Amino acid sequence: MNAEKIDVEFARDEHAVHAERICNLIYESALQRGTGIARRSTDYISRKITGGKAVVALDGEKLIGFSYIECWGHGDFVATSGLIVDPAYRHMGLAARIKEKTFELARMRFPYAKIFSITTSLPVMKLNSRMGYKPVTFSELTDDEEFWQGCKGCVNYDILQRNNRRMCLCTGMLYDPAQPAENNTAATPYIMHIGNKLKKLIRIKK
């Protein structure tokens, strides 16, 4: 497989035919990692694609990667979500390309919005850190009720509820275009990842 022949581009209407495959890839990835993830319907994914809020990676006509953005809090916040790469195409730098393209889409569509991500994935934390995201508490993210309702499909939702939405196994990360870029160190994502592991251990002991 030649990574240079793989196209990473803003999704167009015709890419909506891949919605079911995208949903399956997202869910299967969560099962493999043993982490929680909110389930998304094919209709939801289709709307992201046809609404100009998604990025796809294609090997010819085969869908091999995906991510999307969603606007919250009347445009004050944008979330990047659903980053996935087909297992057969991993370790080729595709996740970084998709993440960078999704970030570009968010900045283009909502140039003044704060961009955030919640994740348990160390690779995603690394990518976020490189682009200038910083770790934040959940209180610094959107208070849009609809966003947090979307977490109901996650197996860890009970943890979020028990902590009054202050924390969960996910780490919150934020890019604020109004703030000077911070130089995250190479250790930043690992520190966040260890924090997630500790939270998981505490949960198991309860």
Protein backbone atom coordinates (compact mmCIF):
# COMPACT_ATOMS: atom_id res chain seq x y z
CA MET A 1 0.00 0.00 0.00
CA ASN A 2 1.28 3.43 -0.97
CA ALA A 3 0.28 6.17 1.47
CA GLU A 4 0.93 8.82 -1.17
CA LYS A 5 -1.91 7.44 -3.29
CA ILE A 6 -4.43 7.81 -0.47
CA ASP A 7 -6.59 10.92 -0.67
CA VAL A 8 -7.55 12.81 2.50
CA GLU A 9 -10.16 15.39 1.63
CA PHE A 10 -13.23 17.29 2.76
CA ALA A 11 -16.24 14.99 2.47
CA ARG A 12 -18.76 15.53 -0.32
CA ASP A 13 -22.37 14.41 -0.65
CA GLU A 14 -21.46 11.29 -2.60
CA HIS A 15 -19.38 10.02 0.32
CA ALA A 16 -22.54 9.51 2.40
CA VAL A 17 -22.74 5.98 0.96
CA HIS A 18 -19.92 5.08 3.37
CA ALA A 19 -21.89 6.04 6.51
CA GLU A 20 -22.62 2.48 7.64
CA ARG A 21 -19.00 1.40 7.18
CA ILE A 22 -17.84 4.44 9.16
CA CYS A 23 -20.15 3.59 12.07
CA ASN A 24 -18.87 0.01 12.10
CA LEU A 25 -15.22 1.09 12.02
CA ILE A 26 -15.74 3.51 14.93
CA TYR A 27 -17.47 0.87 17.04
CA GLU A 28 -15.01 -1.92 16.23
CA SER A 29 -12.09 0.34 17.10
CA ALA A 30 -13.61 1.10 20.50
CA LEU A 31 -14.06 -2.61 21.20
CA GLN A 32 -10.46 -3.36 20.26
CA ARG A 33 -9.13 -0.60 22.53
CA GLY A 34 -11.44 -1.61 25.37
CA THR A 35 -12.58 1.98 25.76
CA GLY A 36 -15.98 3.56 25.79
CA ILE A 37 -17.35 5.48 22.84
CA ALA A 38 -20.75 6.94 22.11
CA ARG A 39 -22.54 5.09 19.31
CA ARG A 40 -23.46 7.14 16.23
CA SER A 41 -26.22 6.29 13.79
CA THR A 42 -25.73 6.12 10.03
CA ASP A 43 -28.15 9.05 9.69
CA TYR A 44 -26.01 11.14 12.04
CA ILE A 45 -22.82 10.37 10.11
CA SER A 46 -24.58 11.02 6.80
CA ARG A 47 -25.65 14.46 8.01
CA LYS A 48 -22.07 15.33 8.96
CA ILE A 49 -20.94 14.37 5.47
CA THR A 50 -23.66 16.15 3.50
CA GLY A 51 -23.44 19.16 5.82
CA GLY A 52 -19.80 19.81 4.93
CA LYS A 53 -18.57 18.86 8.40
CA ALA A 54 -16.50 15.75 7.71
CA VAL A 55 -13.21 14.53 6.33
CA VAL A 56 -12.67 11.21 4.54
CA ALA A 57 -9.62 9.19 3.58
CA LEU A 58 -9.99 7.12 0.42
CA ASP A 59 -7.92 4.45 -1.26
CA GLY A 60 -9.53 4.66 -4.68
CA GLU A 61 -13.22 4.29 -3.86
CA LYS A 62 -12.62 2.45 -0.58
CA LEU A 63 -13.30 4.41 2.62
CA ILE A 64 -10.35 3.87 4.98
CA GLY A 65 -10.52 6.85 7.34
CA PHE A 66 -12.89 9.46 8.71
CA SER A 67 -13.42 12.31 11.15
CA TYR A 68 -16.01 15.06 11.62
CA ILE A 69 -16.69 18.33 13.39
CA GLU A 70 -19.72 19.57 15.29
CA CYS A 71 -20.61 23.08 16.42
CA TRP A 72 -21.81 23.69 20.01
CA GLY A 73 -22.76 26.62 22.22
CA HIS A 74 -24.08 28.81 19.38
CA GLY A 75 -20.77 28.57 17.52
CA ASP A 76 -18.48 29.28 20.47
CA PHE A 77 -17.11 25.72 20.45
CA VAL A 78 -16.34 23.12 17.80
CA ALA A 79 -15.65 19.49 18.62
CA THR A 80 -13.54 17.19 16.46
CA SER A 81 -14.76 13.62 16.76
CA GLY A 82 -14.92 10.14 15.30
CA LEU A 83 -11.32 9.88 14.09
CA ILE A 84 -10.90 6.41 12.65
CA VAL A 85 -8.48 4.58 10.35
CA ASP A 86 -9.11 1.13 8.87
CA PRO A 87 -6.87 -1.35 10.81
CA ALA A 88 -5.26 -2.50 7.55
CA TYR A 89 -4.06 1.07 6.88
CA ARG A 90 -2.68 1.98 10.28
CA HIS A 91 0.94 2.99 10.98
CA MET A 92 1.06 4.94 7.72
CA GLY A 93 0.59 8.42 9.19
CA LEU A 94 -3.04 8.59 8.06
CA ALA A 95 -4.44 9.52 11.46
CA ALA A 96 -2.24 12.63 11.53
CA ARG A 97 -3.29 13.60 8.00
CA ILE A 98 -6.99 13.17 8.84
CA LYS A 99 -6.64 15.07 12.11
CA GLU A 100 -4.84 17.95 10.43
CA LYS A 101 -7.46 18.13 7.68
CA THR A 102 -10.28 18.08 10.25
CA PHE A 103 -8.56 20.86 12.19
CA GLU A 104 -8.27 22.83 8.93
CA LEU A 105 -11.99 22.31 8.30
CA ALA A 106 -12.91 23.51 11.79
CA ARG A 107 -10.75 26.62 11.46
CA MET A 108 -12.20 27.35 8.03
CA ARG A 109 -15.85 26.87 8.97
CA PHE A 110 -15.64 28.41 12.47
CA PRO A 111 -12.52 30.64 12.61
CA TYR A 112 -13.30 32.21 16.00
CA ALA A 113 -14.51 29.09 17.80
CA LYS A 114 -12.59 27.18 20.44
CA ILE A 115 -11.85 23.68 19.16
CA PHE A 116 -11.99 20.82 21.62
CA SER A 117 -11.66 17.07 21.81
CA ILE A 118 -12.38 14.49 24.50
CA THR A 119 -10.52 11.23 24.12
CA THR A 120 -8.93 8.25 25.86
CA SER A 121 -6.61 7.61 22.91
CA LEU A 122 -2.90 8.32 23.40
CA PRO A 123 -2.27 8.75 19.64
CA VAL A 124 -5.06 11.35 19.45
CA MET A 125 -3.61 13.17 22.47
CA LYS A 126 -0.23 13.27 20.72
CA LEU A 127 -1.77 14.71 17.56
CA ASN A 128 -3.75 17.29 19.52
CA SER A 129 -0.66 18.38 21.44
CA ARG A 130 1.29 18.91 18.23
CA MET A 131 -1.44 21.20 16.90
CA GLY A 132 -1.50 23.39 20.00
CA TYR A 133 -4.31 21.86 22.06
CA LYS A 134 -3.83 21.92 25.81
CA PRO A 135 -5.38 19.64 28.46
CA VAL A 136 -8.26 21.28 30.31
CA THR A 137 -10.95 20.40 32.82
CA PHE A 138 -14.42 19.62 31.51
CA SER A 139 -15.64 22.91 32.98
CA GLU A 140 -13.63 24.75 30.29
CA LEU A 141 -15.46 22.92 27.51
CA THR A 142 -18.90 23.64 26.16
CA ASP A 143 -21.83 23.57 28.58
CA ASP A 144 -24.18 22.75 25.71
CA GLU A 145 -26.49 20.09 27.13
CA GLU A 146 -26.94 18.40 23.76
CA PHE A 147 -23.22 17.66 23.52
CA TRP A 148 -23.11 15.92 26.88
CA GLN A 149 -26.30 14.01 26.11
CA GLY A 150 -24.34 12.49 23.24
CA CYS A 151 -22.18 10.69 25.83
CA LYS A 152 -25.13 8.56 26.90
CA GLY A 153 -24.18 5.87 24.41
CA CYS A 154 -20.76 5.44 26.04
CA VAL A 155 -20.17 2.57 28.47
CA ASN A 156 -18.48 5.03 30.83
CA TYR A 157 -21.44 7.40 31.03
CA ASP A 158 -22.14 6.39 34.64
CA ILE A 159 -18.69 7.73 35.63
CA LEU A 160 -19.48 11.08 34.03
CA GLN A 161 -22.77 11.23 35.91
CA ARG A 162 -21.30 10.24 39.27
CA ASN A 163 -18.76 13.04 38.97
CA ASN A 164 -21.39 15.64 38.06
CA ARG A 165 -19.80 15.97 34.61
CA ARG A 166 -16.53 17.25 36.07
CA MET A 167 -14.45 14.29 34.90
CA CYS A 168 -14.55 10.89 33.21
CA LEU A 169 -12.02 8.49 31.68
CA CYS A 170 -11.69 10.84 28.71
CA THR A 171 -9.25 13.75 28.74
CA GLY A 172 -10.49 17.13 27.59
CA MET A 173 -8.23 19.10 25.24
CA LEU A 174 -8.79 22.62 23.92
CA TYR A 175 -7.41 24.87 21.17
CA ASP A 176 -8.26 28.53 21.73
CA PRO A 177 -7.52 30.74 18.69
CA ALA A 178 -7.55 33.81 20.93
CA GLN A 179 -4.71 32.53 23.10
CA PRO A 180 -1.01 32.37 22.20
CA ALA A 181 0.11 28.89 21.21
CA GLU A 182 1.65 26.94 24.07
CA ASN A 183 4.65 24.69 23.63
CA ASN A 184 3.46 21.31 24.87
CA THR A 185 6.33 19.00 25.69
CA ALA A 186 6.66 15.50 24.30
CA ALA A 187 5.68 14.21 27.74
CA THR A 188 2.31 16.02 27.80
CA PRO A 189 0.19 13.32 26.10
CA TYR A 190 1.83 10.57 28.17
CA ILE A 191 1.02 12.39 31.39
CA MET A 192 -2.61 12.66 30.27
CA HIS A 193 -2.66 8.98 29.28
CA ILE A 194 -1.32 7.91 32.68
CA GLY A 195 -3.99 10.08 34.30
CA ASN A 196 -6.66 8.18 32.38
CA LYS A 197 -5.18 4.85 33.51
CA LEU A 198 -5.26 5.98 37.14
CA LYS A 199 -8.89 7.07 36.81
CA LYS A 200 -9.72 3.63 35.39
CA LEU A 201 -7.99 1.88 38.30
CA ILE A 202 -9.90 4.01 40.81
CA ARG A 203 -13.13 3.10 39.06
CA ILE A 204 -12.35 -0.64 39.25
CA LYS A 205 -11.61 -0.43 43.00
CA LYS A 206 -14.96 1.20 43.75
